[in-house]
Amino acid sequence: MNFQFTNPIWLLLWPIGMVWVIWLFWRTHVQISPWRRWTALVLRVLVLTCLVLAVAGLQWLRPMEGMNLFYALDRSDSLPSSQQELARTYVNKSFAFKKPSDKAGVLVFGSDASLEFGPNAALDLQKIKAVVPTERTDIAAAIRLGTAAFPETGQKRLLLLSDGNENVGDAIAAATAAKSLGVTMDVIPLGAARGNDVSIQKLSLPNNLKKGQTFEVKIFAQADKAQTATVRLFRNDQYLDSQNVELAAGKNLFSFPQTLDQPGFYSYDIQLEAANDKSPKIIAQSTLPTSVATPPL
């Protein structure tokens, strides 16, 4: 345990006050017995000291007992199943080195986050039962859930095991908010090495349109190397069109011309698939819905 002051500058009042107290002690002309005089001096010193310490913001800090740890496991489609299994194994192995006062819980996330179980003194993760949508990766949802699920007492630590391929939410903003609540966060990067990876970086649409106006859905893609790919366009979850494109190494731009004949709100999804991309399951899919309003004329 230790002490600290929130406003230590006010401690300078103590020597100034002591000068005044001692001056009163020697200069007083009140006729009292010596013991009463010395008792008054001691009381004045105690009162002065307490007042200065209060104004200076004295705090007595005690170490927080035990660590509350949440393992946040990425279950999205962008992470190979072998890496997901590696993360589960890591949870059991690392928890074996805990201190007796430590506790740990597990949460999983994809498009959303779900609590597997809260902090416990014993942990044996043999199978993950919590189910979350896996089409997207929302790291921010995992951070928010872990922050809310921590007990009130003890230290708070969040360990994120993910490939970091966030395509929904704002993880940095969530981490900043968690830090202000006393949560520390560590990251263990996962993911297989990929030499032919392709991905959607951004989907661009106009902010608003007039009915019948033609516009372009712009797709910004990234490729590790030059290769052939297929771009598919969906509107309100309905397939619209596809293109076979030649990806150059680095950044690429493609577009689909569109016309909306009815007013309303529309969401667009893009799927990019390349034969040489070795990512399992749904290959290199990034879904970035954007609403477009078409007000009536």
C-alpha atoms as a PDB file:
ATOM      1  CA  MET A   1       0.000   0.000   0.000  1.00  0.00           C
ATOM      2  CA  ASN A   2       1.121   3.596  -0.535  1.00  0.00           C
ATOM      3  CA  PHE A   3      -0.097   7.163  -0.384  1.00  0.00           C
ATOM      4  CA  GLN A   4      -0.557   9.808  -3.040  1.00  0.00           C
ATOM      5  CA  PHE A   5      -1.934  13.330  -3.325  1.00  0.00           C
ATOM      6  CA  THR A   6      -4.277  14.604  -6.016  1.00  0.00           C
ATOM      7  CA  ASN A   7      -3.211  18.249  -5.410  1.00  0.00           C
ATOM      8  CA  PRO A   8       0.254  18.103  -3.782  1.00  0.00           C
ATOM      9  CA  ILE A   9       0.876  21.835  -4.335  1.00  0.00           C
ATOM     10  CA  TRP A  10      -1.362  22.538  -1.347  1.00  0.00           C
ATOM     11  CA  LEU A  11       1.160  20.836   0.945  1.00  0.00           C
ATOM     12  CA  LEU A  12       3.066  24.119   0.863  1.00  0.00           C
ATOM     13  CA  LEU A  13       0.388  25.497   3.183  1.00  0.00           C
ATOM     14  CA  TRP A  14       1.632  23.294   6.017  1.00  0.00           C
ATOM     15  CA  PRO A  15       4.951  25.108   6.778  1.00  0.00           C
ATOM     16  CA  ILE A  16       3.179  28.469   6.411  1.00  0.00           C
ATOM     17  CA  GLY A  17       0.506  27.347   8.853  1.00  0.00           C
ATOM     18  CA  MET A  18       3.098  25.978  11.266  1.00  0.00           C
ATOM     19  CA  VAL A  19       4.775  29.369  11.421  1.00  0.00           C
ATOM     20  CA  TRP A  20       1.441  30.882  12.424  1.00  0.00           C
ATOM     21  CA  VAL A  21       0.717  28.158  15.020  1.00  0.00           C
ATOM     22  CA  ILE A  22       4.149  28.491  16.660  1.00  0.00           C
ATOM     23  CA  TRP A  23       3.857  32.269  16.657  1.00  0.00           C
ATOM     24  CA  LEU A  24       0.546  31.986  18.523  1.00  0.00           C
ATOM     25  CA  PHE A  25       2.115  29.534  20.965  1.00  0.00           C
ATOM     26  CA  TRP A  26       4.938  31.885  21.957  1.00  0.00           C
ATOM     27  CA  ARG A  27       3.101  35.201  21.712  1.00  0.00           C
ATOM     28  CA  THR A  28      -0.146  34.366  23.512  1.00  0.00           C
ATOM     29  CA  HIS A  29      -0.710  36.269  26.783  1.00  0.00           C
ATOM     30  CA  VAL A  30      -3.491  34.016  28.040  1.00  0.00           C
ATOM     31  CA  GLN A  31      -2.627  32.782  31.550  1.00  0.00           C
ATOM     32  CA  ILE A  32      -3.093  29.001  31.477  1.00  0.00           C
ATOM     33  CA  SER A  33      -1.206  26.100  32.925  1.00  0.00           C
ATOM     34  CA  PRO A  34       1.756  24.740  30.911  1.00  0.00           C
ATOM     35  CA  TRP A  35       0.075  21.404  30.151  1.00  0.00           C
ATOM     36  CA  ARG A  36      -3.009  23.135  28.748  1.00  0.00           C
ATOM     37  CA  ARG A  37      -0.786  25.390  26.673  1.00  0.00           C
ATOM     38  CA  TRP A  38       1.118  22.449  25.177  1.00  0.00           C
ATOM     39  CA  THR A  39      -2.128  20.527  24.618  1.00  0.00           C
ATOM     40  CA  ALA A  40      -3.500  23.486  22.654  1.00  0.00           C
ATOM     41  CA  LEU A  41      -0.339  23.516  20.528  1.00  0.00           C
ATOM     42  CA  VAL A  42      -0.637  19.805  19.731  1.00  0.00           C
ATOM     43  CA  LEU A  43      -4.328  20.189  18.815  1.00  0.00           C
ATOM     44  CA  ARG A  44      -3.602  23.147  16.541  1.00  0.00           C
ATOM     45  CA  VAL A  45      -0.859  21.189  14.771  1.00  0.00           C
ATOM     46  CA  LEU A  46      -3.181  18.189  14.314  1.00  0.00           C
ATOM     47  CA  VAL A  47      -6.022  20.340  12.975  1.00  0.00           C
ATOM     48  CA  LEU A  48      -3.664  22.184  10.615  1.00  0.00           C
ATOM     49  CA  THR A  49      -2.165  18.922   9.365  1.00  0.00           C
ATOM     50  CA  CYS A  50      -5.572  17.329   8.744  1.00  0.00           C
ATOM     51  CA  LEU A  51      -6.833  20.392   6.876  1.00  0.00           C
ATOM     52  CA  VAL A  52      -3.748  20.569   4.637  1.00  0.00           C
ATOM     53  CA  LEU A  53      -3.868  16.833   3.879  1.00  0.00           C
ATOM     54  CA  ALA A  54      -7.556  17.092   3.013  1.00  0.00           C
ATOM     55  CA  VAL A  55      -7.016  20.047   0.671  1.00  0.00           C
ATOM     56  CA  ALA A  56      -4.018  18.283  -0.934  1.00  0.00           C
ATOM     57  CA  GLY A  57      -6.215  15.237  -1.632  1.00  0.00           C
ATOM     58  CA  LEU A  58      -4.475  12.544   0.387  1.00  0.00           C
ATOM     59  CA  GLN A  59      -5.289   9.076  -0.904  1.00  0.00           C
ATOM     60  CA  TRP A  60      -4.387   5.737   0.606  1.00  0.00           C
ATOM     61  CA  LEU A  61      -3.843   3.230  -2.160  1.00  0.00           C
ATOM     62  CA  ARG A  62      -4.040  -0.473  -1.575  1.00  0.00           C
ATOM     63  CA  PRO A  63      -3.020  -2.979  -4.240  1.00  0.00           C
ATOM     64  CA  MET A  64      -5.997  -4.601  -5.965  1.00  0.00           C
ATOM     65  CA  GLU A  65      -6.065  -8.261  -5.142  1.00  0.00           C
ATOM     66  CA  GLY A  66      -6.251 -10.667  -8.043  1.00  0.00           C
ATOM     67  CA  MET A  67      -6.428 -10.292 -11.796  1.00  0.00           C
ATOM     68  CA  ASN A  68      -9.706 -10.625 -13.693  1.00  0.00           C
ATOM     69  CA  LEU A  69      -8.840 -11.697 -17.221  1.00  0.00           C
ATOM     70  CA  PHE A  70     -11.120 -12.074 -20.214  1.00  0.00           C
ATOM     71  CA  TYR A  71      -9.937 -14.064 -23.229  1.00  0.00           C
ATOM     72  CA  ALA A  72     -11.652 -12.654 -26.347  1.00  0.00           C
ATOM     73  CA  LEU A  73     -11.552 -15.297 -29.105  1.00  0.00           C
ATOM     74  CA  ASP A  74     -12.125 -14.424 -32.764  1.00  0.00           C
ATOM     75  CA  ARG A  75     -14.565 -16.879 -34.417  1.00  0.00           C
ATOM     76  CA  SER A  76     -15.098 -15.017 -37.705  1.00  0.00           C
ATOM     77  CA  ASP A  77     -14.754 -16.634 -41.121  1.00  0.00           C
ATOM     78  CA  SER A  78     -11.539 -14.744 -41.856  1.00  0.00           C
ATOM     79  CA  LEU A  79      -9.703 -16.807 -39.211  1.00  0.00           C
ATOM     80  CA  PRO A  80      -8.869 -20.412 -40.216  1.00  0.00           C
ATOM     81  CA  SER A  81     -10.322 -23.148 -38.014  1.00  0.00           C
ATOM     82  CA  SER A  82      -6.804 -24.341 -37.181  1.00  0.00           C
ATOM     83  CA  GLN A  83      -6.010 -20.906 -35.741  1.00  0.00           C
ATOM     84  CA  GLN A  84      -9.264 -20.888 -33.769  1.00  0.00           C
ATOM     85  CA  GLU A  85      -8.302 -24.223 -32.243  1.00  0.00           C
ATOM     86  CA  LEU A  86      -4.840 -22.865 -31.460  1.00  0.00           C
ATOM     87  CA  ALA A  87      -6.439 -19.975 -29.593  1.00  0.00           C
ATOM     88  CA  ARG A  88      -8.575 -22.380 -27.521  1.00  0.00           C
ATOM     89  CA  THR A  89      -5.490 -24.416 -26.613  1.00  0.00           C
ATOM     90  CA  TYR A  90      -3.600 -21.275 -25.664  1.00  0.00           C
ATOM     91  CA  VAL A  91      -6.352 -20.307 -23.203  1.00  0.00           C
ATOM     92  CA  ASN A  92      -5.950 -23.549 -21.247  1.00  0.00           C
ATOM     93  CA  LYS A  93      -2.154 -23.518 -21.307  1.00  0.00           C
ATOM     94  CA  SER A  94      -1.741 -19.885 -20.274  1.00  0.00           C
ATOM     95  CA  PHE A  95      -4.303 -20.092 -17.474  1.00  0.00           C
ATOM     96  CA  ALA A  96      -2.264 -22.853 -15.848  1.00  0.00           C
ATOM     97  CA  PHE A  97       0.285 -20.188 -14.827  1.00  0.00           C
ATOM     98  CA  LYS A  98      -2.224 -18.023 -12.968  1.00  0.00           C
ATOM     99  CA  LYS A  99      -1.858 -16.931  -9.358  1.00  0.00           C
ATOM    100  CA  PRO A 100      -4.293 -18.363  -6.783  1.00  0.00           C
ATOM    101  CA  SER A 101      -6.215 -15.078  -6.598  1.00  0.00           C
ATOM    102  CA  ASP A 102      -6.597 -14.712 -10.384  1.00  0.00           C
ATOM    103  CA  LYS A 103      -9.799 -15.413 -12.307  1.00  0.00           C
ATOM    104  CA  ALA A 104     -10.510 -15.722 -16.022  1.00  0.00           C
ATOM    105  CA  GLY A 105     -13.479 -15.755 -18.345  1.00  0.00           C
ATOM    106  CA  VAL A 106     -13.961 -16.329 -22.068  1.00  0.00           C
ATOM    107  CA  LEU A 107     -15.984 -14.500 -24.695  1.00  0.00           C
ATOM    108  CA  VAL A 108     -16.191 -15.097 -28.436  1.00  0.00           C
ATOM    109  CA  PHE A 109     -16.956 -12.701 -31.249  1.00  0.00           C
ATOM    110  CA  GLY A 110     -17.621 -12.445 -34.967  1.00  0.00           C
ATOM    111  CA  SER A 111     -20.311 -10.100 -36.266  1.00  0.00           C
ATOM    112  CA  ASP A 112     -21.384  -9.859 -32.613  1.00  0.00           C
ATOM    113  CA  ALA A 113     -19.949 -10.921 -29.259  1.00  0.00           C
ATOM    114  CA  SER A 114     -21.196 -13.507 -26.769  1.00  0.00           C
ATOM    115  CA  LEU A 115     -20.083 -14.528 -23.283  1.00  0.00           C
ATOM    116  CA  GLU A 116     -18.903 -18.125 -22.965  1.00  0.00           C
ATOM    117  CA  PHE A 117     -18.533 -17.806 -19.176  1.00  0.00           C
ATOM    118  CA  GLY A 118     -17.572 -15.139 -16.675  1.00  0.00           C
ATOM    119  CA  PRO A 119     -14.410 -14.923 -14.544  1.00  0.00           C
ATOM    120  CA  ASN A 120     -13.782 -18.123 -12.579  1.00  0.00           C
ATOM    121  CA  ALA A 121     -10.952 -19.412 -10.436  1.00  0.00           C
ATOM    122  CA  ALA A 122     -10.915 -22.624 -12.519  1.00  0.00           C
ATOM    123  CA  LEU A 123     -10.892 -22.737 -16.310  1.00  0.00           C
ATOM    124  CA  ASP A 124     -10.942 -25.709 -18.677  1.00  0.00           C
ATOM    125  CA  LEU A 125     -12.054 -24.715 -22.170  1.00  0.00           C
ATOM    126  CA  GLN A 126     -12.667 -28.004 -23.986  1.00  0.00           C
ATOM    127  CA  LYS A 127     -15.392 -26.823 -26.344  1.00  0.00           C
ATOM    128  CA  ILE A 128     -16.855 -23.439 -27.213  1.00  0.00           C
ATOM    129  CA  LYS A 129     -20.640 -23.493 -26.913  1.00  0.00           C
ATOM    130  CA  ALA A 130     -21.473 -19.832 -27.484  1.00  0.00           C
ATOM    131  CA  VAL A 131     -22.669 -19.137 -31.026  1.00  0.00           C
ATOM    132  CA  VAL A 132     -22.085 -15.855 -32.857  1.00  0.00           C
ATOM    133  CA  PRO A 133     -22.552 -14.811 -36.507  1.00  0.00           C
ATOM    134  CA  THR A 134     -19.252 -15.249 -38.309  1.00  0.00           C
ATOM    135  CA  GLU A 135     -19.670 -13.250 -41.536  1.00  0.00           C
ATOM    136  CA  ARG A 136     -17.969 -10.123 -40.126  1.00  0.00           C
ATOM    137  CA  THR A 137     -15.407  -9.198 -37.464  1.00  0.00           C
ATOM    138  CA  ASP A 138     -16.560  -6.723 -34.815  1.00  0.00           C
ATOM    139  CA  ILE A 139     -13.658  -6.333 -32.381  1.00  0.00           C
ATOM    140  CA  ALA A 140     -15.329  -3.326 -30.758  1.00  0.00           C
ATOM    141  CA  ALA A 141     -18.279  -5.494 -29.687  1.00  0.00           C
ATOM    142  CA  ALA A 142     -15.887  -7.887 -27.921  1.00  0.00           C
ATOM    143  CA  ILE A 143     -14.157  -5.025 -26.098  1.00  0.00           C
ATOM    144  CA  ARG A 144     -17.466  -3.520 -24.962  1.00  0.00           C
ATOM    145  CA  LEU A 145     -18.828  -6.855 -23.741  1.00  0.00           C
ATOM    146  CA  GLY A 146     -15.642  -7.719 -21.851  1.00  0.00           C
ATOM    147  CA  THR A 147     -15.531  -4.282 -20.224  1.00  0.00           C
ATOM    148  CA  ALA A 148     -19.127  -4.573 -19.042  1.00  0.00           C
ATOM    149  CA  ALA A 149     -18.699  -8.134 -17.726  1.00  0.00           C
ATOM    150  CA  PHE A 150     -15.729  -7.483 -15.410  1.00  0.00           C
ATOM    151  CA  PRO A 151     -16.364  -7.720 -11.641  1.00  0.00           C
ATOM    152  CA  GLU A 152     -16.206  -4.462  -9.700  1.00  0.00           C
ATOM    153  CA  THR A 153     -13.166  -5.522  -7.642  1.00  0.00           C
ATOM    154  CA  GLY A 154      -9.754  -6.626  -8.840  1.00  0.00           C
ATOM    155  CA  GLN A 155      -7.640  -5.675 -11.819  1.00  0.00           C
ATOM    156  CA  LYS A 156      -9.189  -5.839 -15.291  1.00  0.00           C
ATOM    157  CA  ARG A 157      -7.373  -7.207 -18.301  1.00  0.00           C
ATOM    158  CA  LEU A 158      -8.666  -8.127 -21.765  1.00  0.00           C
ATOM    159  CA  LEU A 159      -6.614 -10.468 -23.971  1.00  0.00           C
ATOM    160  CA  LEU A 160      -7.655 -10.339 -27.624  1.00  0.00           C
ATOM    161  CA  LEU A 161      -6.814 -13.309 -29.861  1.00  0.00           C
ATOM    162  CA  SER A 162      -7.676 -12.292 -33.433  1.00  0.00           C
ATOM    163  CA  ASP A 163      -6.352 -11.757 -36.937  1.00  0.00           C
ATOM    164  CA  GLY A 164      -7.355  -8.099 -36.576  1.00  0.00           C
ATOM    165  CA  ASN A 165      -9.351  -8.029 -39.826  1.00  0.00           C
ATOM    166  CA  GLU A 166     -12.009  -5.663 -38.478  1.00  0.00           C
ATOM    167  CA  ASN A 167     -14.728  -4.757 -40.989  1.00  0.00           C
ATOM    168  CA  VAL A 168     -17.444  -3.410 -38.707  1.00  0.00           C
ATOM    169  CA  GLY A 169     -17.343  -1.286 -35.546  1.00  0.00           C
ATOM    170  CA  ASP A 170     -14.571   0.916 -34.163  1.00  0.00           C
ATOM    171  CA  ALA A 171     -12.107  -1.056 -32.041  1.00  0.00           C
ATOM    172  CA  ILE A 172      -9.870   1.929 -31.263  1.00  0.00           C
ATOM    173  CA  ALA A 173     -12.760   3.954 -29.849  1.00  0.00           C
ATOM    174  CA  ALA A 174     -13.920   0.966 -27.786  1.00  0.00           C
ATOM    175  CA  ALA A 175     -10.389   0.377 -26.461  1.00  0.00           C
ATOM    176  CA  THR A 176     -10.054   4.050 -25.505  1.00  0.00           C
ATOM    177  CA  ALA A 177     -13.341   3.912 -23.593  1.00  0.00           C
ATOM    178  CA  ALA A 178     -12.268   0.690 -21.856  1.00  0.00           C
ATOM    179  CA  LYS A 179      -8.959   2.232 -20.777  1.00  0.00           C
ATOM    180  CA  SER A 180     -10.780   5.081 -19.048  1.00  0.00           C
ATOM    181  CA  LEU A 181     -12.603   2.417 -16.986  1.00  0.00           C
ATOM    182  CA  GLY A 182      -9.354   0.816 -15.825  1.00  0.00           C
ATOM    183  CA  VAL A 183      -9.211  -2.010 -18.389  1.00  0.00           C
ATOM    184  CA  THR A 184      -5.833  -2.929 -19.845  1.00  0.00           C
ATOM    185  CA  MET A 185      -5.728  -4.785 -23.143  1.00  0.00           C
ATOM    186  CA  ASP A 186      -3.214  -7.087 -24.816  1.00  0.00           C
ATOM    187  CA  VAL A 187      -3.350  -8.623 -28.290  1.00  0.00           C
ATOM    188  CA  ILE A 188      -2.090 -11.938 -29.627  1.00  0.00           C
ATOM    189  CA  PRO A 189      -2.201 -11.816 -33.458  1.00  0.00           C
ATOM    190  CA  LEU A 190      -3.505 -14.935 -35.203  1.00  0.00           C
ATOM    191  CA  GLY A 191      -3.908 -15.978 -38.826  1.00  0.00           C
ATOM    192  CA  ALA A 192      -2.194 -18.159 -41.345  1.00  0.00           C
ATOM    193  CA  ALA A 193       0.373 -16.687 -43.693  1.00  0.00           C
ATOM    194  CA  ARG A 194      -1.273 -15.837 -46.978  1.00  0.00           C
ATOM    195  CA  GLY A 195       0.630 -15.176 -50.158  1.00  0.00           C
ATOM    196  CA  ASN A 196      -2.336 -14.509 -52.443  1.00  0.00           C
ATOM    197  CA  ASP A 197      -4.687 -12.632 -50.170  1.00  0.00           C
ATOM    198  CA  VAL A 198      -7.392 -10.362 -51.610  1.00  0.00           C
ATOM    199  CA  SER A 199      -9.777  -8.172 -49.651  1.00  0.00           C
ATOM    200  CA  ILE A 200     -12.353  -5.398 -49.916  1.00  0.00           C
ATOM    201  CA  GLN A 201     -10.975  -2.173 -48.455  1.00  0.00           C
ATOM    202  CA  LYS A 202     -13.902   0.193 -49.012  1.00  0.00           C
ATOM    203  CA  LEU A 203     -17.320   0.459 -50.641  1.00  0.00           C
ATOM    204  CA  SER A 204     -18.217   3.970 -51.849  1.00  0.00           C
ATOM    205  CA  LEU A 205     -21.736   5.259 -52.575  1.00  0.00           C
ATOM    206  CA  PRO A 206     -23.256   8.731 -52.971  1.00  0.00           C
ATOM    207  CA  ASN A 207     -24.872  10.210 -49.866  1.00  0.00           C
ATOM    208  CA  ASN A 208     -28.242  10.750 -51.524  1.00  0.00           C
ATOM    209  CA  LEU A 209     -29.783  10.537 -54.957  1.00  0.00           C
ATOM    210  CA  LYS A 210     -32.780  11.602 -56.987  1.00  0.00           C
ATOM    211  CA  LYS A 211     -35.166   8.972 -58.265  1.00  0.00           C
ATOM    212  CA  GLY A 212     -33.969   7.605 -61.591  1.00  0.00           C
ATOM    213  CA  GLN A 213     -30.466   9.072 -61.294  1.00  0.00           C
ATOM    214  CA  THR A 214     -27.623   6.819 -62.475  1.00  0.00           C
ATOM    215  CA  PHE A 215     -24.642   6.426 -60.151  1.00  0.00           C
ATOM    216  CA  GLU A 216     -21.685   4.105 -59.596  1.00  0.00           C
ATOM    217  CA  VAL A 217     -21.015   1.654 -56.771  1.00  0.00           C
ATOM    218  CA  LYS A 218     -17.247   1.949 -56.348  1.00  0.00           C
ATOM    219  CA  ILE A 219     -15.259  -0.944 -54.883  1.00  0.00           C
ATOM    220  CA  PHE A 220     -11.731  -0.479 -53.584  1.00  0.00           C
ATOM    221  CA  ALA A 221      -9.869  -3.800 -53.358  1.00  0.00           C
ATOM    222  CA  GLN A 222      -6.419  -4.884 -52.175  1.00  0.00           C
ATOM    223  CA  ALA A 223      -4.387  -7.786 -53.571  1.00  0.00           C
ATOM    224  CA  ASP A 224      -1.035  -9.235 -52.543  1.00  0.00           C
ATOM    225  CA  LYS A 225      -0.220 -10.133 -56.129  1.00  0.00           C
ATOM    226  CA  ALA A 226      -1.713  -9.864 -59.629  1.00  0.00           C
ATOM    227  CA  GLN A 227      -4.476 -12.434 -60.155  1.00  0.00           C
ATOM    228  CA  THR A 228      -7.987 -12.988 -61.536  1.00  0.00           C
ATOM    229  CA  ALA A 229     -10.999 -12.533 -59.267  1.00  0.00           C
ATOM    230  CA  THR A 230     -14.787 -12.338 -59.324  1.00  0.00           C
ATOM    231  CA  VAL A 231     -16.655  -9.377 -57.835  1.00  0.00           C
ATOM    232  CA  ARG A 232     -20.321  -9.925 -56.932  1.00  0.00           C
ATOM    233  CA  LEU A 233     -22.781  -7.168 -56.066  1.00  0.00           C
ATOM    234  CA  PHE A 234     -25.780  -7.581 -53.751  1.00  0.00           C
ATOM    235  CA  ARG A 235     -28.489  -5.021 -52.984  1.00  0.00           C
ATOM    236  CA  ASN A 236     -30.714  -5.527 -49.946  1.00  0.00           C
ATOM    237  CA  ASP A 237     -29.338  -9.089 -49.747  1.00  0.00           C
ATOM    238  CA  GLN A 238     -30.372  -9.801 -53.350  1.00  0.00           C
ATOM    239  CA  TYR A 239     -27.790 -10.749 -55.982  1.00  0.00           C
ATOM    240  CA  LEU A 240     -27.553  -8.155 -58.773  1.00  0.00           C
ATOM    241  CA  ASP A 241     -24.481  -8.626 -60.918  1.00  0.00           C
ATOM    242  CA  SER A 242     -20.897  -9.922 -61.100  1.00  0.00           C
ATOM    243  CA  GLN A 243     -17.664  -9.094 -62.917  1.00  0.00           C
ATOM    244  CA  ASN A 244     -14.528 -11.065 -63.673  1.00  0.00           C
ATOM    245  CA  VAL A 245     -11.678  -8.653 -62.993  1.00  0.00           C
ATOM    246  CA  GLU A 246      -7.910  -8.634 -63.239  1.00  0.00           C
ATOM    247  CA  LEU A 247      -6.412  -7.566 -59.923  1.00  0.00           C
ATOM    248  CA  ALA A 248      -3.086  -5.780 -59.936  1.00  0.00           C
ATOM    249  CA  ALA A 249      -0.745  -6.093 -56.978  1.00  0.00           C
ATOM    250  CA  GLY A 250      -1.723  -3.403 -54.467  1.00  0.00           C
ATOM    251  CA  LYS A 251      -4.832  -1.219 -54.653  1.00  0.00           C
ATOM    252  CA  ASN A 252      -7.574  -1.687 -57.254  1.00  0.00           C
ATOM    253  CA  LEU A 253     -10.780   0.176 -58.135  1.00  0.00           C
ATOM    254  CA  PHE A 254     -13.895  -1.293 -59.787  1.00  0.00           C
ATOM    255  CA  SER A 255     -17.413   0.028 -60.225  1.00  0.00           C
ATOM    256  CA  PHE A 256     -20.965  -1.100 -60.982  1.00  0.00           C
ATOM    257  CA  PRO A 257     -23.401   1.379 -62.613  1.00  0.00           C
ATOM    258  CA  GLN A 258     -26.741   1.500 -60.813  1.00  0.00           C
ATOM    259  CA  THR A 259     -30.105   3.247 -61.097  1.00  0.00           C
ATOM    260  CA  LEU A 260     -32.755   3.374 -58.366  1.00  0.00           C
ATOM    261  CA  ASP A 261     -36.330   3.788 -59.619  1.00  0.00           C
ATOM    262  CA  GLN A 262     -38.091   3.867 -56.265  1.00  0.00           C
ATOM    263  CA  PRO A 263     -37.479   6.089 -53.214  1.00  0.00           C
ATOM    264  CA  GLY A 264     -36.278   4.393 -50.044  1.00  0.00           C
ATOM    265  CA  PHE A 265     -33.161   3.086 -48.325  1.00  0.00           C
ATOM    266  CA  TYR A 266     -30.854   0.546 -49.948  1.00  0.00           C
ATOM    267  CA  SER A 267     -27.912  -1.433 -48.630  1.00  0.00           C
ATOM    268  CA  TYR A 268     -25.169  -2.797 -50.870  1.00  0.00           C
ATOM    269  CA  ASP A 269     -22.889  -5.765 -50.159  1.00  0.00           C
ATOM    270  CA  ILE A 270     -19.796  -6.791 -52.093  1.00  0.00           C
ATOM    271  CA  GLN A 271     -18.168 -10.207 -52.293  1.00  0.00           C
ATOM    272  CA  LEU A 272     -14.683 -10.615 -53.748  1.00  0.00           C
ATOM    273  CA  GLU A 273     -13.458 -14.110 -54.550  1.00  0.00           C
ATOM    274  CA  ALA A 274     -10.119 -15.149 -56.040  1.00  0.00           C
ATOM    275  CA  ALA A 275      -9.144 -18.710 -56.912  1.00  0.00           C
ATOM    276  CA  ASN A 276      -5.603 -18.284 -55.557  1.00  0.00           C
ATOM    277  CA  ASP A 277      -6.715 -16.893 -52.197  1.00  0.00           C
ATOM    278  CA  LYS A 278      -6.070 -19.677 -49.707  1.00  0.00           C
ATOM    279  CA  SER A 279      -8.409 -18.344 -47.043  1.00  0.00           C
ATOM    280  CA  PRO A 280     -10.877 -21.120 -46.179  1.00  0.00           C
ATOM    281  CA  LYS A 281     -14.698 -21.029 -46.134  1.00  0.00           C
ATOM    282  CA  ILE A 282     -16.135 -17.973 -47.877  1.00  0.00           C
ATOM    283  CA  ILE A 283     -13.178 -16.632 -49.798  1.00  0.00           C
ATOM    284  CA  ALA A 284     -12.142 -13.049 -49.165  1.00  0.00           C
ATOM    285  CA  GLN A 285     -15.599 -11.708 -48.460  1.00  0.00           C
ATOM    286  CA  SER A 286     -16.035  -8.213 -47.041  1.00  0.00           C
ATOM    287  CA  THR A 287     -19.531  -6.888 -46.493  1.00  0.00           C
ATOM    288  CA  LEU A 288     -19.864  -3.137 -46.058  1.00  0.00           C
ATOM    289  CA  PRO A 289     -23.515  -2.067 -46.064  1.00  0.00           C
ATOM    290  CA  THR A 290     -24.228   1.570 -46.874  1.00  0.00           C
ATOM    291  CA  SER A 291     -27.682   3.152 -46.890  1.00  0.00           C
ATOM    292  CA  VAL A 292     -28.728   5.352 -49.794  1.00  0.00           C
ATOM    293  CA  ALA A 293     -31.802   7.559 -49.528  1.00  0.00           C
ATOM    294  CA  THR A 294     -33.743   8.470 -52.652  1.00  0.00           C
ATOM    295  CA  PRO A 295     -36.321  11.136 -51.725  1.00  0.00           C
ATOM    296  CA  PRO A 296     -39.445  11.477 -53.880  1.00  0.00           C
ATOM    297  CA  LEU A 297     -39.449  14.206 -56.499  1.00  0.00           C
END
